[in-house]
Each structure stands twice: as C-alpha cells, then as structure tokens.
Amino acid sequence: MPLPPRDFDAIGPKEGQRFPDVRLSDQTGALVDLHEQRAGRPALVVFYRSAEW
C-alpha cells in the first residue's frame, strides 16, 4: 500500500528562519551547541538516517 502524499513545505523551519536551539552529541559523544559553534555564521544542517538500526 503506497504512503499518502506529504506536504514537505509544512515541515521544519522555513528558509532564512532561525534554526531551533539544538545540542547534539558529536562523533566522540561530546555535546555540541549549534548556535555556539557557528558563532553567528551561516550553517547548513543535514540530517540523515543511519543504515544501522
């Protein structure tokens, strides 16, 4: 059974909108604050789904 169509424009922040405050672990387990690390510079945030479950 196919999935219903999804309105991707309604998901996540809009282009140019401030990204929510995010603190995530890096590859070593240390917490990284997105806004602190980029110090006001533009950023591209990419999320991907791991192949490992």
Protein backbone atom coordinates (compact mmCIF):
# COMPACT_ATOMS: atom_id res chain seq x y z
CA MET A 1 0.00 0.00 0.00
CA PRO A 2 1.55 3.37 -1.01
CA LEU A 3 2.08 6.12 1.52
CA PRO A 4 -0.15 9.21 1.32
CA PRO A 5 1.35 12.37 -0.22
CA ARG A 6 3.26 14.54 2.27
CA ASP A 7 3.38 18.36 2.35
CA PHE A 8 7.10 18.93 2.95
CA ASP A 9 6.60 22.72 2.98
CA ALA A 10 4.82 22.33 6.33
CA ILE A 11 7.76 20.51 7.99
CA GLY A 12 10.66 22.21 9.76
CA PRO A 13 11.91 25.80 9.68
CA LYS A 14 11.45 27.90 6.57
CA GLU A 15 14.39 29.16 4.51
CA GLY A 16 16.01 32.06 6.34
CA GLN A 17 14.20 31.32 9.61
CA ARG A 18 16.36 30.85 12.73
CA PHE A 19 17.01 27.19 13.39
CA PRO A 20 15.79 26.00 16.80
CA ASP A 21 18.33 25.73 19.63
CA VAL A 22 19.97 22.33 19.22
CA ARG A 23 22.54 20.48 21.32
CA LEU A 24 23.53 17.09 20.00
CA SER A 25 26.39 14.66 20.54
CA ASP A 26 29.24 14.64 18.05
CA GLN A 27 31.11 11.52 16.93
CA THR A 28 33.08 11.45 20.22
CA GLY A 29 29.99 11.86 22.42
CA ALA A 30 30.70 15.50 23.37
CA LEU A 31 27.69 17.83 23.34
CA VAL A 32 27.81 20.46 20.59
CA ASP A 33 25.60 23.57 20.61
CA LEU A 34 24.82 24.54 17.02
CA HIS A 35 24.47 28.29 17.63
CA GLU A 36 27.53 28.47 19.88
CA GLN A 37 29.73 26.57 17.44
CA ARG A 38 28.85 28.61 14.39
CA ALA A 39 29.22 31.96 16.26
CA GLY A 40 26.71 33.81 14.06
CA ARG A 41 27.99 32.38 10.77
CA PRO A 42 25.55 30.71 8.37
CA ALA A 43 25.21 26.95 8.64
CA LEU A 44 23.81 24.09 6.63
CA VAL A 45 22.25 21.38 8.77
CA VAL A 46 21.82 17.95 7.22
CA PHE A 47 20.13 15.05 8.96
CA TYR A 48 20.47 11.57 7.57
CA ARG A 49 19.11 8.26 8.63
CA SER A 50 21.73 5.70 9.54
CA ALA A 51 21.67 2.33 7.85
CA GLU A 52 22.25 0.74 11.27
CA TRP A 53 19.12 0.07 13.27
